[in-house]
Amino acid sequence: MTQMSTHYPAATLVEPISRHTLAVVVDNEPGVLARIAGLFSGRGYNIESLTVTETEHEAHISRVTIITAGTDSIIEQIKSHLEKLVPVHRVVDLTLTGDAVERELCLVKVVGKGDHRVEAMRLAAAFGARTMDATLTSFVYELTGTTEEIERFIKLMTAVGLAEVSRTGVAAMARGAEGM
């Protein structure tokens, strides 16, 4: 039996791109964050959110939470490269462990008078934002929630006088009794 040749190229499989939350436990020492960032930038991967702080003071251990996106194979490459860095103790893909708890904190400054001021207060109350500062012409609100909730809040505040935004990035933890 002979095979027929075709003038059409073979179909290429396209892997879907998905968002992943990675928790990385590292030694808290100079240059670790730069090495992690360099790993991403050197390979053309993007970091959508990055938070880091020391979590075990006596042991000088920090936890880095990274939000990135990629195909399954790219995410596996990222995890593999992270695990090879000397100061890295553990890499956990919280996206694969199930429904993780993710929260972000933002400060939002809104400037306005009259109806805009009243609407900003109404929206802040609806979202459960706390007023951190108030003047006759401005408010600074604090809101903690999911990235999607923060995005919705910012979008709505844009219509009533959004002046400035500061965000912490995502802090995340797996649900359930087991720790990292």
Protein backbone atom coordinates (compact mmCIF):
# COMPACT_ATOMS: atom_id res chain seq x y z
CA MET A 1 0.00 0.00 0.00
CA THR A 2 1.43 3.38 -0.94
CA GLN A 3 1.02 6.51 1.08
CA MET A 4 -0.47 9.55 -0.52
CA SER A 5 1.49 12.72 -0.31
CA THR A 6 -0.26 15.97 0.47
CA HIS A 7 0.52 19.57 -0.19
CA TYR A 8 -0.95 20.61 3.16
CA PRO A 9 1.30 20.88 6.20
CA ALA A 10 0.67 18.51 9.06
CA ALA A 11 -1.57 19.97 11.74
CA THR A 12 0.36 21.19 14.74
CA LEU A 13 -0.97 20.61 18.21
CA VAL A 14 -1.32 23.77 20.25
CA GLU A 15 -1.13 23.35 24.01
CA PRO A 16 -3.41 25.64 26.01
CA ILE A 17 -1.82 28.33 28.14
CA SER A 18 -2.93 28.39 31.75
CA ARG A 19 -2.17 30.47 34.84
CA HIS A 20 -0.18 28.77 37.60
CA THR A 21 0.59 29.76 41.18
CA LEU A 22 3.99 28.51 42.34
CA ALA A 23 5.10 28.54 45.98
CA VAL A 24 8.87 28.37 46.32
CA VAL A 25 10.67 27.91 49.66
CA VAL A 26 14.18 29.38 49.55
CA ASP A 27 17.07 30.39 51.79
CA ASN A 28 16.78 34.07 52.68
CA GLU A 29 20.11 35.26 51.36
CA PRO A 30 21.31 38.03 49.04
CA GLY A 31 20.80 37.41 45.33
CA VAL A 32 18.14 34.66 45.55
CA LEU A 33 15.35 36.83 44.17
CA ALA A 34 17.63 38.08 41.38
CA ARG A 35 18.47 34.49 40.44
CA ILE A 36 14.80 33.53 40.29
CA ALA A 37 13.92 36.62 38.23
CA GLY A 38 16.92 35.92 35.97
CA LEU A 39 15.73 32.37 35.40
CA PHE A 40 12.40 33.72 34.11
CA SER A 41 13.77 36.60 32.04
CA GLY A 42 16.61 34.53 30.57
CA ARG A 43 14.13 32.06 29.12
CA GLY A 44 11.51 34.62 28.06
CA TYR A 45 8.94 33.65 30.70
CA ASN A 46 6.75 36.30 32.28
CA ILE A 47 6.06 36.80 35.97
CA GLU A 48 2.53 38.19 36.44
CA SER A 49 2.84 38.53 40.22
CA LEU A 50 5.72 38.06 42.63
CA THR A 51 5.68 38.26 46.42
CA VAL A 52 8.42 37.27 48.81
CA THR A 53 9.06 37.52 52.53
CA GLU A 54 10.88 35.67 55.27
CA THR A 55 8.52 33.14 56.86
CA GLU A 56 10.88 31.29 59.22
CA HIS A 57 13.07 33.89 60.90
CA GLU A 58 15.26 31.50 62.93
CA ALA A 59 16.03 29.33 59.88
CA HIS A 60 16.29 32.32 57.48
CA ILE A 61 13.78 30.75 55.11
CA SER A 62 11.61 32.79 52.74
CA ARG A 63 8.56 31.95 50.69
CA VAL A 64 8.27 33.25 47.15
CA THR A 65 4.86 33.18 45.48
CA ILE A 66 4.99 33.46 41.69
CA ILE A 67 2.06 33.75 39.31
CA THR A 68 3.01 32.84 35.76
CA ALA A 69 1.32 31.47 32.67
CA GLY A 70 2.35 28.91 30.11
CA THR A 71 1.66 25.58 28.53
CA ASP A 72 1.94 22.50 30.74
CA SER A 73 5.37 21.74 29.30
CA ILE A 74 6.64 25.29 29.94
CA ILE A 75 5.34 25.21 33.54
CA GLU A 76 7.15 21.89 34.05
CA GLN A 77 10.36 23.46 32.65
CA ILE A 78 10.01 26.43 35.01
CA LYS A 79 9.51 24.16 38.03
CA SER A 80 12.46 21.97 37.00
CA HIS A 81 14.76 24.99 36.59
CA LEU A 82 13.63 26.45 39.93
CA GLU A 83 14.31 23.16 41.73
CA LYS A 84 17.89 23.16 40.39
CA LEU A 85 18.73 26.53 41.97
CA VAL A 86 20.93 25.92 45.03
CA PRO A 87 19.02 28.07 47.57
CA VAL A 88 15.64 26.49 46.63
CA HIS A 89 14.26 23.90 49.09
CA ARG A 90 10.84 23.17 47.56
CA VAL A 91 8.67 24.15 44.61
CA VAL A 92 4.94 23.49 44.85
CA ASP A 93 2.50 24.19 42.02
CA LEU A 94 -0.53 25.28 44.05
CA THR A 95 -2.63 25.15 40.88
CA LEU A 96 -2.16 21.38 40.77
CA THR A 97 -2.75 20.78 44.49
CA GLY A 98 -6.35 21.88 44.18
CA ASP A 99 -8.21 25.03 45.01
CA ALA A 100 -5.65 27.25 46.77
CA VAL A 101 -6.51 30.30 48.84
CA GLU A 102 -5.22 33.37 47.00
CA ARG A 103 -5.45 36.94 48.24
CA GLU A 104 -4.03 40.27 47.19
CA LEU A 105 -4.01 43.61 48.99
CA CYS A 106 -4.36 46.93 47.24
CA LEU A 107 -4.45 50.59 48.19
CA VAL A 108 -6.58 52.75 45.90
CA LYS A 109 -6.64 56.55 45.90
CA VAL A 110 -9.79 58.18 44.55
CA VAL A 111 -10.08 61.92 44.01
CA GLY A 112 -13.43 63.60 43.51
CA LYS A 113 -16.20 65.80 44.85
CA GLY A 114 -19.97 65.68 44.95
CA ASP A 115 -21.62 62.72 43.26
CA HIS A 116 -18.26 61.11 42.46
CA ARG A 117 -17.29 61.21 46.13
CA VAL A 118 -20.62 59.68 47.19
CA GLU A 119 -20.36 56.95 44.54
CA ALA A 120 -16.77 56.13 45.58
CA MET A 121 -17.94 55.66 49.20
CA ARG A 122 -20.86 53.49 48.04
CA LEU A 123 -18.62 51.28 45.90
CA ALA A 124 -16.04 50.94 48.68
CA ALA A 125 -18.77 49.83 51.09
CA ALA A 126 -20.13 47.32 48.56
CA PHE A 127 -16.67 45.74 48.18
CA GLY A 128 -15.90 45.85 51.90
CA ALA A 129 -12.95 48.21 51.41
CA ARG A 130 -11.63 50.03 54.46
CA THR A 131 -11.05 53.77 54.42
CA MET A 132 -7.41 54.37 55.35
CA ASP A 133 -7.31 58.12 54.68
CA ALA A 134 -9.91 60.76 53.86
CA THR A 135 -9.72 64.43 52.95
CA LEU A 136 -12.36 66.76 51.55
CA THR A 137 -11.32 65.77 48.02
CA SER A 138 -9.85 62.27 48.27
CA PHE A 139 -9.97 58.82 49.84
CA VAL A 140 -7.44 56.03 50.17
CA TYR A 141 -9.12 52.63 50.38
CA GLU A 142 -7.64 49.29 51.37
CA LEU A 143 -9.10 46.17 49.82
CA THR A 144 -8.07 42.53 50.24
CA GLY A 145 -9.47 39.91 47.89
CA THR A 146 -8.86 37.77 44.87
CA THR A 147 -7.08 39.28 41.89
CA GLU A 148 -10.40 39.31 40.03
CA GLU A 149 -12.14 41.23 42.86
CA ILE A 150 -9.29 43.76 42.97
CA GLU A 151 -9.49 44.22 39.19
CA ARG A 152 -13.27 44.82 39.34
CA PHE A 153 -12.87 47.35 42.18
CA ILE A 154 -10.17 49.28 40.30
CA LYS A 155 -12.22 49.28 37.08
CA LEU A 156 -15.27 50.69 38.88
CA MET A 157 -13.23 53.30 40.76
CA THR A 158 -11.79 54.50 37.45
CA ALA A 159 -15.22 55.94 36.61
CA VAL A 160 -15.39 57.98 39.84
CA GLY A 161 -11.88 59.44 39.98
CA LEU A 162 -9.19 56.79 40.40
CA ALA A 163 -5.88 58.59 40.92
CA GLU A 164 -3.41 55.94 42.09
CA VAL A 165 -3.14 52.20 42.77
CA SER A 166 -0.61 50.18 44.78
CA ARG A 167 -0.84 46.37 44.88
CA THR A 168 1.05 43.76 46.86
CA GLY A 169 0.81 40.85 44.47
CA VAL A 170 -0.73 37.49 45.32
CA ALA A 171 -0.16 35.58 48.55
CA ALA A 172 -1.32 31.96 48.22
CA MET A 173 -1.59 28.79 50.27
CA ALA A 174 -3.00 25.32 49.63
CA ARG A 175 -6.24 24.48 51.41
CA GLY A 176 -6.36 21.67 53.96
CA ALA A 177 -4.28 20.44 56.87
CA GLU A 178 -1.01 19.72 55.05
CA GLY A 179 1.76 22.33 55.00
CA MET A 180 4.55 22.86 52.51
